[in-house]
C-alpha cells in the first residue's frame, strides 16, 4: 500500500527537500505551503491522506490548529508535528500522534513515520 502524505510547511525549500526524500521512499506526497492551503486541501472532496506532516509555525496559523479538521475528515489519519517545541509545550492545543524536532535526521524521521502508519 502506498502511503499518502499531506506535507504542510511554509518554508518552500524544506517542503521540497522533504517531499523529494519521501517520494524516493515510495510515499505519495501532496504539498501545502500555508495553513489556508492545507485547510482547503483537507476540505476538498475526495481528500484522502494516511498521514499529515505538519510544521507547527506556519505564516498564517499553527499546525496544531489543523488537527480538528484532520480528525473530523480523516479520523484514521496520523498526524506528526515538526516543531522546535516538545509535546508538553503544546498547552491546550490538540495533540498530534507524534511531535518530532524540526531538525530530525531523515533516517529517524522515516523510521518514525513507517512505525506510525504500520
Protein backbone atom coordinates (compact mmCIF):
# COMPACT_ATOMS: atom_id res chain seq x y z
CA UNK A 1 0.00 0.00 0.00
CA UNK A 2 1.34 3.42 -0.93
CA UNK A 3 1.13 5.88 1.96
CA UNK A 4 -0.36 9.25 1.06
CA UNK A 5 1.07 12.23 2.95
CA UNK A 6 -0.11 15.82 3.29
CA UNK A 7 3.09 17.79 3.91
CA UNK A 8 2.47 21.29 5.27
CA UNK A 9 5.42 23.67 5.61
CA UNK A 10 5.67 27.36 4.78
CA UNK A 11 9.39 27.06 4.02
CA UNK A 12 9.46 26.16 0.32
CA UNK A 13 12.96 24.67 0.31
CA UNK A 14 12.30 22.49 3.38
CA UNK A 15 9.00 21.39 1.89
CA UNK A 16 10.53 20.42 -1.44
CA UNK A 17 13.53 18.59 0.03
CA UNK A 18 11.39 16.56 2.42
CA UNK A 19 8.84 15.80 -0.30
CA UNK A 20 11.57 14.53 -2.63
CA UNK A 21 13.07 12.33 0.08
CA UNK A 22 9.66 10.87 0.97
CA UNK A 23 8.75 10.28 -2.68
CA UNK A 24 12.07 8.48 -3.19
CA UNK A 25 10.98 6.14 -0.37
CA UNK A 26 7.65 5.39 -2.07
CA UNK A 27 5.35 7.85 -0.33
CA UNK A 28 2.84 9.86 -2.35
CA UNK A 29 3.15 13.46 -1.18
CA UNK A 30 0.77 16.40 -1.60
CA UNK A 31 2.19 19.79 -0.65
CA UNK A 32 0.68 22.77 1.13
CA UNK A 33 2.66 25.93 1.76
CA UNK A 34 0.30 27.54 4.25
CA UNK A 35 -2.35 26.89 6.88
CA UNK A 36 -5.05 28.14 4.50
CA UNK A 37 -3.90 25.94 1.63
CA UNK A 38 -3.78 22.87 3.90
CA UNK A 39 -7.27 23.65 5.17
CA UNK A 40 -8.60 23.81 1.60
CA UNK A 41 -6.90 20.52 0.74
CA UNK A 42 -8.37 18.78 3.79
CA UNK A 43 -11.84 20.12 2.97
CA UNK A 44 -11.68 19.11 -0.69
CA UNK A 45 -13.97 16.36 -1.86
CA UNK A 46 -12.04 13.14 -2.16
CA UNK A 47 -9.25 14.20 0.22
CA UNK A 48 -7.61 11.02 1.48
CA UNK A 49 -4.42 11.08 3.50
CA UNK A 50 -2.85 8.42 5.66
CA UNK A 51 -0.52 10.90 7.30
CA UNK A 52 -0.26 14.65 7.81
CA UNK A 53 3.23 16.01 8.40
CA UNK A 54 2.77 19.50 9.82
CA UNK A 55 5.14 22.34 10.55
CA UNK A 56 3.92 23.99 13.76
CA UNK A 57 4.71 27.60 12.93
CA UNK A 58 3.13 28.43 9.60
CA UNK A 59 2.97 32.01 8.40
CA UNK A 60 -0.81 32.13 8.69
CA UNK A 61 -1.56 29.71 11.52
CA UNK A 62 -0.38 26.81 13.64
CA UNK A 63 -0.04 23.22 12.54
CA UNK A 64 -1.92 22.05 15.63
CA UNK A 65 -4.89 24.16 14.55
CA UNK A 66 -5.26 21.89 11.50
CA UNK A 67 -5.76 18.82 13.70
CA UNK A 68 -9.51 19.25 14.37
CA UNK A 69 -10.23 19.36 10.62
CA UNK A 70 -7.93 16.40 10.00
CA UNK A 71 -9.53 14.33 12.78
CA UNK A 72 -13.07 15.21 11.67
CA UNK A 73 -12.46 14.49 8.00
CA UNK A 74 -9.94 11.65 8.19
CA UNK A 75 -10.14 10.08 11.66
CA UNK A 76 -7.75 7.24 10.80
CA UNK A 77 -5.02 9.58 9.51
CA UNK A 78 -1.94 10.03 11.67
CA UNK A 79 -0.60 13.49 12.43
CA UNK A 80 3.05 14.33 13.01
CA UNK A 81 4.06 17.78 14.15
CA UNK A 82 7.53 19.03 13.22
CA UNK A 83 8.49 21.69 15.72
CA UNK A 84 11.09 23.19 17.96
CA UNK A 85 8.78 22.64 20.93
CA UNK A 86 8.06 19.41 22.75
CA UNK A 87 4.69 17.71 23.17
CA UNK A 88 4.50 19.01 26.75
CA UNK A 89 4.70 22.59 25.47
CA UNK A 90 1.58 22.44 23.28
CA UNK A 91 -0.64 23.76 26.07
CA UNK A 92 -4.30 23.15 25.30
CA UNK A 93 -3.69 22.55 21.60
CA UNK A 94 -4.98 19.29 20.10
CA UNK A 95 -2.37 16.56 20.41
CA UNK A 96 -0.79 15.05 17.30
CA UNK A 97 0.22 11.39 17.17
CA UNK A 98 3.88 12.43 17.39
CA UNK A 99 5.94 15.57 17.88
CA UNK A 100 9.36 15.46 16.26
CA UNK A 101 12.16 18.01 16.36
CA UNK A 102 12.30 20.12 13.23
CA UNK A 103 15.96 19.20 12.66
CA UNK A 104 15.44 15.43 12.95
CA UNK A 105 17.57 13.37 10.58
CA UNK A 106 15.74 11.82 7.65
CA UNK A 107 16.52 8.16 8.56
CA UNK A 108 14.99 8.64 12.03
CA UNK A 109 12.02 10.56 10.62
CA UNK A 110 11.40 7.82 8.07
CA UNK A 111 11.54 5.13 10.75
CA UNK A 112 9.05 7.02 12.96
CA UNK A 113 6.66 7.63 10.05
CA UNK A 114 6.74 4.00 8.95
CA UNK A 115 6.08 2.88 12.52
CA UNK A 116 3.09 5.24 12.77
CA UNK A 117 1.41 4.13 9.56
CA UNK A 118 2.25 0.47 10.10
